[in-house]
Amino acid sequence: MPTVVNAEHDEREALLNFVEAQRAAVRRAVGGLSREQLTARPTVSELTLGGIVKHLAETESHWTRVILAGREPLVERNMETWADSFRLLDGEEIDDYLKLWDEVAAETTEVISGLPDMEVTVPLPDRPWNPKGARRSARWIMLHLVEEIGRHAGHADFLREATDGATAFALLNPEQLRPND
């Protein structure tokens, strides 16, 4: 006899787990690095490892806290400060943004778990990149977070390897990062 699974619960859990897996990949990519390494630009891109963490914490918060839950933003951004969301500024530390991201992750779980279902839709803010009058479901928002965090996890893998040679697979097993005895 097949097992009966609560599809709604299973979907939420799956989406939250996929988002967390991508977060963990980014966290691994920044682990053990100095501020100099976290703010370095080892390619011609403006992206830095520290900036990726900051951007993702703010972005996830924006989608779940602001758009989906209708709460006040943790950080207000406009066109003049948009680039600041991609880099650690003087006085900003990676540990603070990793802690913030942990808090955002907990809030994402709370918001998603509290919805009646994943079909809940919300209006998108009036921005040039959003279609006028567009709405998105909680499911779409979670899939977008998997995409957004996953995309930047790939960037973080590349930047980490360009910074110190550590690959994503080696970061899964930190023992491989030690020189052979």
C-alpha atoms as a PDB file:
ATOM      1  CA  MET A   1       0.000   0.000   0.000  1.00  0.00           C
ATOM      2  CA  PRO A   2       1.498   3.411  -0.957  1.00  0.00           C
ATOM      3  CA  THR A   3       2.304   5.900   1.771  1.00  0.00           C
ATOM      4  CA  VAL A   4       0.026   8.922   1.874  1.00  0.00           C
ATOM      5  CA  VAL A   5       2.092  12.106   1.878  1.00  0.00           C
ATOM      6  CA  ASN A   6       0.817  15.563   2.644  1.00  0.00           C
ATOM      7  CA  ALA A   7       1.793  17.127  -0.674  1.00  0.00           C
ATOM      8  CA  GLU A   8       1.527  20.708   0.624  1.00  0.00           C
ATOM      9  CA  HIS A   9       3.787  19.964   3.593  1.00  0.00           C
ATOM     10  CA  ASP A  10       6.175  18.003   1.370  1.00  0.00           C
ATOM     11  CA  GLU A  11       6.395  20.868  -1.137  1.00  0.00           C
ATOM     12  CA  ARG A  12       7.103  23.497   1.514  1.00  0.00           C
ATOM     13  CA  GLU A  13       9.710  21.301   3.136  1.00  0.00           C
ATOM     14  CA  ALA A  14      11.331  20.558  -0.211  1.00  0.00           C
ATOM     15  CA  LEU A  15      11.484  24.226  -1.209  1.00  0.00           C
ATOM     16  CA  LEU A  16      12.874  25.271   2.183  1.00  0.00           C
ATOM     17  CA  ASN A  17      15.458  22.478   1.979  1.00  0.00           C
ATOM     18  CA  PHE A  18      16.537  23.458  -1.540  1.00  0.00           C
ATOM     19  CA  VAL A  19      16.954  27.089  -0.445  1.00  0.00           C
ATOM     20  CA  GLU A  20      18.956  25.970   2.600  1.00  0.00           C
ATOM     21  CA  ALA A  21      21.206  23.746   0.472  1.00  0.00           C
ATOM     22  CA  GLN A  22      22.100  26.762  -1.681  1.00  0.00           C
ATOM     23  CA  ARG A  23      22.690  28.930   1.391  1.00  0.00           C
ATOM     24  CA  ALA A  24      25.030  26.269   2.766  1.00  0.00           C
ATOM     25  CA  ALA A  25      27.035  26.248  -0.473  1.00  0.00           C
ATOM     26  CA  VAL A  26      27.591  30.004  -0.176  1.00  0.00           C
ATOM     27  CA  ARG A  27      28.508  29.706   3.512  1.00  0.00           C
ATOM     28  CA  ARG A  28      31.094  27.038   2.660  1.00  0.00           C
ATOM     29  CA  ALA A  29      32.562  29.270  -0.038  1.00  0.00           C
ATOM     30  CA  VAL A  30      33.228  32.098   2.432  1.00  0.00           C
ATOM     31  CA  GLY A  31      34.361  29.972   5.362  1.00  0.00           C
ATOM     32  CA  GLY A  32      37.804  30.566   6.815  1.00  0.00           C
ATOM     33  CA  LEU A  33      38.680  33.564   4.649  1.00  0.00           C
ATOM     34  CA  SER A  34      40.185  36.848   5.772  1.00  0.00           C
ATOM     35  CA  ARG A  35      38.436  40.178   5.245  1.00  0.00           C
ATOM     36  CA  GLU A  36      40.974  40.893   2.509  1.00  0.00           C
ATOM     37  CA  GLN A  37      39.979  37.695   0.703  1.00  0.00           C
ATOM     38  CA  LEU A  38      36.254  38.334   1.232  1.00  0.00           C
ATOM     39  CA  THR A  39      36.509  41.804  -0.307  1.00  0.00           C
ATOM     40  CA  ALA A  40      38.967  40.916  -3.070  1.00  0.00           C
ATOM     41  CA  ARG A  41      37.978  41.052  -6.721  1.00  0.00           C
ATOM     42  CA  PRO A  42      39.959  38.180  -8.266  1.00  0.00           C
ATOM     43  CA  THR A  43      38.219  38.732 -11.615  1.00  0.00           C
ATOM     44  CA  VAL A  44      37.172  41.791 -13.596  1.00  0.00           C
ATOM     45  CA  SER A  45      33.706  41.448 -12.064  1.00  0.00           C
ATOM     46  CA  GLU A  46      32.608  43.713  -9.220  1.00  0.00           C
ATOM     47  CA  LEU A  47      31.471  40.616  -7.289  1.00  0.00           C
ATOM     48  CA  THR A  48      33.211  39.709  -4.041  1.00  0.00           C
ATOM     49  CA  LEU A  49      32.559  36.798  -1.723  1.00  0.00           C
ATOM     50  CA  GLY A  50      31.533  39.073   1.141  1.00  0.00           C
ATOM     51  CA  GLY A  51      29.316  41.067  -1.170  1.00  0.00           C
ATOM     52  CA  ILE A  52      27.509  37.937  -2.314  1.00  0.00           C
ATOM     53  CA  VAL A  53      26.581  37.062   1.276  1.00  0.00           C
ATOM     54  CA  LYS A  54      25.363  40.605   1.940  1.00  0.00           C
ATOM     55  CA  HIS A  55      23.363  40.695  -1.289  1.00  0.00           C
ATOM     56  CA  LEU A  56      21.734  37.331  -0.669  1.00  0.00           C
ATOM     57  CA  ALA A  57      20.755  38.152   2.919  1.00  0.00           C
ATOM     58  CA  GLU A  58      19.136  41.374   1.762  1.00  0.00           C
ATOM     59  CA  THR A  59      17.525  39.790  -1.301  1.00  0.00           C
ATOM     60  CA  GLU A  60      15.995  36.848   0.548  1.00  0.00           C
ATOM     61  CA  SER A  61      14.685  39.216   3.202  1.00  0.00           C
ATOM     62  CA  HIS A  62      13.177  41.433   0.528  1.00  0.00           C
ATOM     63  CA  TRP A  63      11.301  38.569  -1.127  1.00  0.00           C
ATOM     64  CA  THR A  64      10.005  36.852   1.998  1.00  0.00           C
ATOM     65  CA  ARG A  65       9.815  39.592   4.616  1.00  0.00           C
ATOM     66  CA  VAL A  66       8.770  42.549   2.467  1.00  0.00           C
ATOM     67  CA  ILE A  67       6.966  41.178  -0.581  1.00  0.00           C
ATOM     68  CA  LEU A  68       5.442  37.964   0.796  1.00  0.00           C
ATOM     69  CA  ALA A  69       4.807  38.915   4.452  1.00  0.00           C
ATOM     70  CA  GLY A  70       4.250  42.664   3.942  1.00  0.00           C
ATOM     71  CA  ARG A  71       6.701  43.634   6.696  1.00  0.00           C
ATOM     72  CA  GLU A  72       9.081  46.566   6.847  1.00  0.00           C
ATOM     73  CA  PRO A  73      12.413  46.044   5.048  1.00  0.00           C
ATOM     74  CA  LEU A  74      15.538  45.398   7.094  1.00  0.00           C
ATOM     75  CA  VAL A  75      17.463  47.635   4.698  1.00  0.00           C
ATOM     76  CA  GLU A  76      16.119  50.327   2.406  1.00  0.00           C
ATOM     77  CA  ARG A  77      17.796  50.376  -1.016  1.00  0.00           C
ATOM     78  CA  ASN A  78      17.418  52.803  -3.872  1.00  0.00           C
ATOM     79  CA  MET A  79      19.279  53.255  -7.149  1.00  0.00           C
ATOM     80  CA  GLU A  80      22.048  55.221  -5.388  1.00  0.00           C
ATOM     81  CA  THR A  81      22.668  52.516  -2.751  1.00  0.00           C
ATOM     82  CA  TRP A  82      21.943  49.441  -4.902  1.00  0.00           C
ATOM     83  CA  ALA A  83      25.645  48.746  -5.590  1.00  0.00           C
ATOM     84  CA  ASP A  84      26.354  48.839  -1.839  1.00  0.00           C
ATOM     85  CA  SER A  85      24.288  45.670  -1.475  1.00  0.00           C
ATOM     86  CA  PHE A  86      27.024  43.803  -3.366  1.00  0.00           C
ATOM     87  CA  ARG A  87      30.039  44.727  -1.248  1.00  0.00           C
ATOM     88  CA  LEU A  88      31.140  44.918   2.359  1.00  0.00           C
ATOM     89  CA  LEU A  89      31.563  48.560   3.280  1.00  0.00           C
ATOM     90  CA  ASP A  90      33.972  49.919   5.893  1.00  0.00           C
ATOM     91  CA  GLY A  91      32.891  48.678   9.304  1.00  0.00           C
ATOM     92  CA  GLU A  92      30.785  45.821   7.904  1.00  0.00           C
ATOM     93  CA  GLU A  93      31.893  42.307   8.794  1.00  0.00           C
ATOM     94  CA  ILE A  94      31.039  38.974   7.201  1.00  0.00           C
ATOM     95  CA  ASP A  95      30.056  37.477  10.568  1.00  0.00           C
ATOM     96  CA  ASP A  96      27.385  40.152  10.947  1.00  0.00           C
ATOM     97  CA  TYR A  97      25.930  39.326   7.531  1.00  0.00           C
ATOM     98  CA  LEU A  98      26.107  35.572   8.127  1.00  0.00           C
ATOM     99  CA  LYS A  99      24.206  36.129  11.394  1.00  0.00           C
ATOM    100  CA  LEU A 100      21.700  38.361   9.601  1.00  0.00           C
ATOM    101  CA  TRP A 101      21.253  35.702   6.925  1.00  0.00           C
ATOM    102  CA  ASP A 102      20.590  33.085   9.631  1.00  0.00           C
ATOM    103  CA  GLU A 103      17.890  35.377  11.035  1.00  0.00           C
ATOM    104  CA  VAL A 104      16.459  35.923   7.549  1.00  0.00           C
ATOM    105  CA  ALA A 105      16.460  32.148   6.958  1.00  0.00           C
ATOM    106  CA  ALA A 106      14.511  31.590  10.179  1.00  0.00           C
ATOM    107  CA  GLU A 107      12.043  34.291   9.153  1.00  0.00           C
ATOM    108  CA  THR A 108      11.664  32.707   5.701  1.00  0.00           C
ATOM    109  CA  THR A 109      10.798  29.385   7.353  1.00  0.00           C
ATOM    110  CA  GLU A 110       8.335  31.113   9.668  1.00  0.00           C
ATOM    111  CA  VAL A 111       6.643  33.018   6.818  1.00  0.00           C
ATOM    112  CA  ILE A 112       6.413  30.005   4.494  1.00  0.00           C
ATOM    113  CA  SER A 113       5.229  27.697   7.284  1.00  0.00           C
ATOM    114  CA  GLY A 114       2.537  30.188   8.280  1.00  0.00           C
ATOM    115  CA  LEU A 115       0.916  30.472   4.867  1.00  0.00           C
ATOM    116  CA  PRO A 116      -2.365  28.650   4.256  1.00  0.00           C
ATOM    117  CA  ASP A 117      -0.860  27.200   1.061  1.00  0.00           C
ATOM    118  CA  MET A 118       1.780  27.897  -1.590  1.00  0.00           C
ATOM    119  CA  GLU A 119      -0.868  29.356  -3.919  1.00  0.00           C
ATOM    120  CA  VAL A 120      -0.990  32.591  -1.891  1.00  0.00           C
ATOM    121  CA  THR A 121      -0.231  35.446  -4.278  1.00  0.00           C
ATOM    122  CA  VAL A 122       1.117  38.896  -3.566  1.00  0.00           C
ATOM    123  CA  PRO A 123       1.592  41.980  -5.753  1.00  0.00           C
ATOM    124  CA  LEU A 124       5.090  42.823  -6.894  1.00  0.00           C
ATOM    125  CA  PRO A 125       6.362  46.307  -6.084  1.00  0.00           C
ATOM    126  CA  ASP A 126       6.121  48.940  -8.783  1.00  0.00           C
ATOM    127  CA  ARG A 127       9.649  48.746 -10.202  1.00  0.00           C
ATOM    128  CA  PRO A 128      10.913  49.128 -13.778  1.00  0.00           C
ATOM    129  CA  TRP A 129      11.900  45.438 -13.923  1.00  0.00           C
ATOM    130  CA  ASN A 130       8.482  44.166 -12.729  1.00  0.00           C
ATOM    131  CA  PRO A 131       5.535  43.966 -15.118  1.00  0.00           C
ATOM    132  CA  LYS A 132       2.783  46.426 -14.173  1.00  0.00           C
ATOM    133  CA  GLY A 133       0.250  44.852 -11.840  1.00  0.00           C
ATOM    134  CA  ALA A 134       2.185  41.578 -11.589  1.00  0.00           C
ATOM    135  CA  ARG A 135       1.502  39.110  -8.800  1.00  0.00           C
ATOM    136  CA  ARG A 136       3.572  36.120  -7.713  1.00  0.00           C
ATOM    137  CA  SER A 137       2.711  33.070  -5.653  1.00  0.00           C
ATOM    138  CA  ALA A 138       4.623  31.925  -2.599  1.00  0.00           C
ATOM    139  CA  ARG A 139       5.694  28.922  -4.685  1.00  0.00           C
ATOM    140  CA  TRP A 140       7.126  31.213  -7.379  1.00  0.00           C
ATOM    141  CA  ILE A 141       8.971  33.263  -4.748  1.00  0.00           C
ATOM    142  CA  MET A 142      10.551  30.154  -3.218  1.00  0.00           C
ATOM    143  CA  LEU A 143      11.552  28.818  -6.633  1.00  0.00           C
ATOM    144  CA  HIS A 144      13.020  32.223  -7.422  1.00  0.00           C
ATOM    145  CA  LEU A 145      15.071  32.070  -4.204  1.00  0.00           C
ATOM    146  CA  VAL A 146      16.412  28.642  -5.183  1.00  0.00           C
ATOM    147  CA  GLU A 147      17.399  30.147  -8.540  1.00  0.00           C
ATOM    148  CA  GLU A 148      18.849  33.388  -7.121  1.00  0.00           C
ATOM    149  CA  ILE A 149      20.839  31.822  -4.299  1.00  0.00           C
ATOM    150  CA  GLY A 150      21.944  28.940  -6.535  1.00  0.00           C
ATOM    151  CA  ARG A 151      23.183  31.333  -9.206  1.00  0.00           C
ATOM    152  CA  HIS A 152      25.233  33.247  -6.661  1.00  0.00           C
ATOM    153  CA  ALA A 153      26.433  30.013  -5.046  1.00  0.00           C
ATOM    154  CA  GLY A 154      28.021  29.241  -8.406  1.00  0.00           C
ATOM    155  CA  HIS A 155      29.599  32.689  -8.465  1.00  0.00           C
ATOM    156  CA  ALA A 156      30.880  32.098  -4.926  1.00  0.00           C
ATOM    157  CA  ASP A 157      32.399  28.742  -5.929  1.00  0.00           C
ATOM    158  CA  PHE A 158      34.241  30.390  -8.788  1.00  0.00           C
ATOM    159  CA  LEU A 159      35.420  33.358  -6.708  1.00  0.00           C
ATOM    160  CA  ARG A 160      36.591  31.085  -3.892  1.00  0.00           C
ATOM    161  CA  GLU A 161      38.614  28.961  -6.303  1.00  0.00           C
ATOM    162  CA  ALA A 162      40.087  32.116  -7.883  1.00  0.00           C
ATOM    163  CA  THR A 163      40.943  33.437  -4.400  1.00  0.00           C
ATOM    164  CA  ASP A 164      42.735  30.460  -2.834  1.00  0.00           C
ATOM    165  CA  GLY A 165      42.259  27.447  -5.096  1.00  0.00           C
ATOM    166  CA  ALA A 166      39.663  25.737  -2.879  1.00  0.00           C
ATOM    167  CA  THR A 167      37.010  23.974  -4.932  1.00  0.00           C
ATOM    168  CA  ALA A 168      33.408  23.335  -3.943  1.00  0.00           C
ATOM    169  CA  PHE A 169      34.127  19.635  -3.510  1.00  0.00           C
ATOM    170  CA  ALA A 170      37.133  20.295  -1.290  1.00  0.00           C
ATOM    171  CA  LEU A 171      35.013  22.643   0.817  1.00  0.00           C
ATOM    172  CA  LEU A 172      32.539  19.799   1.396  1.00  0.00           C
ATOM    173  CA  ASN A 173      35.413  17.934   3.051  1.00  0.00           C
ATOM    174  CA  PRO A 174      37.659  20.467   4.818  1.00  0.00           C
ATOM    175  CA  GLU A 175      40.161  17.696   5.568  1.00  0.00           C
ATOM    176  CA  GLN A 176      41.103  17.889   1.886  1.00  0.00           C
ATOM    177  CA  LEU A 177      42.163  21.517   2.331  1.00  0.00           C
ATOM    178  CA  ARG A 178      45.044  20.566   4.627  1.00  0.00           C
ATOM    179  CA  PRO A 179      48.424  19.887   3.098  1.00  0.00           C
ATOM    180  CA  ASN A 180      49.422  16.232   3.091  1.00  0.00           C
ATOM    181  CA  ASP A 181      51.360  15.226   6.189  1.00  0.00           C
END
